[in-house]
Each structure stands twice: as C-alpha cells, then as structure tokens.
Amino acid sequence: MNRTELEQKILELLTEEFPEVDFQSSDSLVDDGLLDSLTITGIIAALSMEFGIAIPYEEIIEENFNSISGLAGLVEKLQN
C-alpha cells in the first residue's frame, strides 16, 4: 500500500468512526482543538485494530495526530 492509499484508508476509517470530525479541513487537528483526549484514544484504538500496530506512549504527540498525513506517517513507521 503506497502512502496515498494509506492516507485514504485512514481517512475513510476515521471518518466512519468519528463523523463529527472533519479530518480534511485542518492540518492542526490537535492544535485547533478538533480532537480531544477521548477522540485521540479512539483513534489509537481504531488504528491499532485496523493495522495491527501498537502505538507507544512516546508517539502520542501533536505532530503525529494533527493531520491524516501525520497519522499515515506514524502507521508507516510502526509497520516497518
């Protein structure tokens, strides 16, 4: 799966799980307050189940959760 396909899959997954969040409208989802801690916990659970990864505590930083691109980079890194 290339990066574009991965981003699309993550976008579809998160849009289905969290329809109240517009993941495409911002590259600063955390910084703009669009994601709260409960939503971030849900995102971690969804990505962990979908991609078979464990997201370590030290990777739960704004940079990784501010955008679909950041999330895709995190998933790629943890899959390798």
C-alpha atoms as a PDB file:
ATOM      1  CA  MET A   1       0.000   0.000   0.000  1.00  0.00           C
ATOM      2  CA  ASN A   2       1.509   3.324  -1.024  1.00  0.00           C
ATOM      3  CA  ARG A   3       1.341   6.486   1.087  1.00  0.00           C
ATOM      4  CA  THR A   4      -1.658   7.948  -0.782  1.00  0.00           C
ATOM      5  CA  GLU A   5      -3.627   4.701  -0.397  1.00  0.00           C
ATOM      6  CA  LEU A   6      -2.702   4.546   3.286  1.00  0.00           C
ATOM      7  CA  GLU A   7      -3.865   8.130   3.863  1.00  0.00           C
ATOM      8  CA  GLN A   8      -7.141   7.384   2.042  1.00  0.00           C
ATOM      9  CA  LYS A   9      -7.729   4.233   4.111  1.00  0.00           C
ATOM     10  CA  ILE A  10      -7.055   6.112   7.367  1.00  0.00           C
ATOM     11  CA  LEU A  11      -9.345   8.960   6.269  1.00  0.00           C
ATOM     12  CA  GLU A  12     -12.170   6.531   5.453  1.00  0.00           C
ATOM     13  CA  LEU A  13     -11.719   4.639   8.730  1.00  0.00           C
ATOM     14  CA  LEU A  14     -11.659   7.755  10.900  1.00  0.00           C
ATOM     15  CA  THR A  15     -14.492   9.483   9.036  1.00  0.00           C
ATOM     16  CA  GLU A  16     -16.651   6.415   9.688  1.00  0.00           C
ATOM     17  CA  GLU A  17     -15.624   6.170  13.351  1.00  0.00           C
ATOM     18  CA  PHE A  18     -15.751   9.916  14.092  1.00  0.00           C
ATOM     19  CA  PRO A  19     -18.232  11.539  11.679  1.00  0.00           C
ATOM     20  CA  GLU A  20     -18.317  14.709  13.807  1.00  0.00           C
ATOM     21  CA  VAL A  21     -14.655  15.487  12.984  1.00  0.00           C
ATOM     22  CA  ASP A  22     -13.709  16.960   9.599  1.00  0.00           C
ATOM     23  CA  PHE A  23     -10.302  15.352   9.187  1.00  0.00           C
ATOM     24  CA  GLN A  24      -9.724  17.018   5.810  1.00  0.00           C
ATOM     25  CA  SER A  25     -10.311  20.604   6.923  1.00  0.00           C
ATOM     26  CA  SER A  26      -7.227  21.021   9.082  1.00  0.00           C
ATOM     27  CA  ASP A  27      -3.562  20.149   9.342  1.00  0.00           C
ATOM     28  CA  SER A  28      -3.667  21.057  13.029  1.00  0.00           C
ATOM     29  CA  LEU A  29      -6.463  18.882  14.393  1.00  0.00           C
ATOM     30  CA  VAL A  30      -4.995  18.811  17.905  1.00  0.00           C
ATOM     31  CA  ASP A  31      -3.731  22.400  17.901  1.00  0.00           C
ATOM     32  CA  ASP A  32      -7.122  23.701  16.723  1.00  0.00           C
ATOM     33  CA  GLY A  33      -8.952  21.716  19.417  1.00  0.00           C
ATOM     34  CA  LEU A  34     -10.793  19.477  16.940  1.00  0.00           C
ATOM     35  CA  LEU A  35      -9.541  16.340  18.715  1.00  0.00           C
ATOM     36  CA  ASP A  36      -9.961  15.843  22.447  1.00  0.00           C
ATOM     37  CA  SER A  37      -8.266  13.176  24.528  1.00  0.00           C
ATOM     38  CA  LEU A  38     -11.205  10.778  24.209  1.00  0.00           C
ATOM     39  CA  THR A  39     -11.174  11.078  20.404  1.00  0.00           C
ATOM     40  CA  ILE A  40      -7.406  10.578  20.319  1.00  0.00           C
ATOM     41  CA  THR A  41      -7.815   7.429  22.431  1.00  0.00           C
ATOM     42  CA  GLY A  42     -10.432   6.208  19.935  1.00  0.00           C
ATOM     43  CA  ILE A  43      -8.131   6.959  17.002  1.00  0.00           C
ATOM     44  CA  ILE A  44      -5.345   4.973  18.670  1.00  0.00           C
ATOM     45  CA  ALA A  45      -7.701   2.027  19.172  1.00  0.00           C
ATOM     46  CA  ALA A  46      -9.031   2.184  15.594  1.00  0.00           C
ATOM     47  CA  LEU A  47      -5.560   2.373  14.026  1.00  0.00           C
ATOM     48  CA  SER A  48      -4.229  -0.374  16.301  1.00  0.00           C
ATOM     49  CA  MET A  49      -7.032  -2.742  15.321  1.00  0.00           C
ATOM     50  CA  GLU A  50      -7.055  -1.857  11.609  1.00  0.00           C
ATOM     51  CA  PHE A  51      -3.299  -2.023  11.043  1.00  0.00           C
ATOM     52  CA  GLY A  52      -2.186  -4.453  13.776  1.00  0.00           C
ATOM     53  CA  ILE A  53       0.140  -1.951  15.412  1.00  0.00           C
ATOM     54  CA  ALA A  54       0.793  -0.804  18.969  1.00  0.00           C
ATOM     55  CA  ILE A  55       1.236   2.945  19.349  1.00  0.00           C
ATOM     56  CA  PRO A  56       3.777   3.610  22.106  1.00  0.00           C
ATOM     57  CA  TYR A  57       3.127   6.427  24.577  1.00  0.00           C
ATOM     58  CA  GLU A  58       6.067   8.490  23.267  1.00  0.00           C
ATOM     59  CA  GLU A  59       4.458   8.595  19.786  1.00  0.00           C
ATOM     60  CA  ILE A  60       1.262  10.213  21.108  1.00  0.00           C
ATOM     61  CA  ILE A  61       2.336  13.741  20.193  1.00  0.00           C
ATOM     62  CA  GLU A  62       0.606  16.571  18.344  1.00  0.00           C
ATOM     63  CA  GLU A  63       2.818  16.152  15.267  1.00  0.00           C
ATOM     64  CA  ASN A  64       1.504  12.611  14.718  1.00  0.00           C
ATOM     65  CA  PHE A  65      -2.174  13.435  15.315  1.00  0.00           C
ATOM     66  CA  ASN A  66      -2.562  16.888  13.715  1.00  0.00           C
ATOM     67  CA  SER A  67      -3.372  15.514  10.251  1.00  0.00           C
ATOM     68  CA  ILE A  68      -4.143  12.431   8.208  1.00  0.00           C
ATOM     69  CA  SER A  69      -0.649  12.747   6.763  1.00  0.00           C
ATOM     70  CA  GLY A  70       0.853  12.683  10.260  1.00  0.00           C
ATOM     71  CA  LEU A  71      -1.199   9.626  11.168  1.00  0.00           C
ATOM     72  CA  ALA A  72      -0.159   7.866   7.958  1.00  0.00           C
ATOM     73  CA  GLY A  73       3.495   8.588   8.738  1.00  0.00           C
ATOM     74  CA  LEU A  74       3.041   7.132  12.212  1.00  0.00           C
ATOM     75  CA  VAL A  75       1.362   3.971  10.876  1.00  0.00           C
ATOM     76  CA  GLU A  76       4.095   3.548   8.234  1.00  0.00           C
ATOM     77  CA  LYS A  77       6.825   3.929  10.837  1.00  0.00           C
ATOM     78  CA  LEU A  78       5.233   1.432  13.221  1.00  0.00           C
ATOM     79  CA  GLN A  79       4.576  -1.139  10.488  1.00  0.00           C
ATOM     80  CA  ASN A  80       8.265  -1.202   9.489  1.00  0.00           C
END
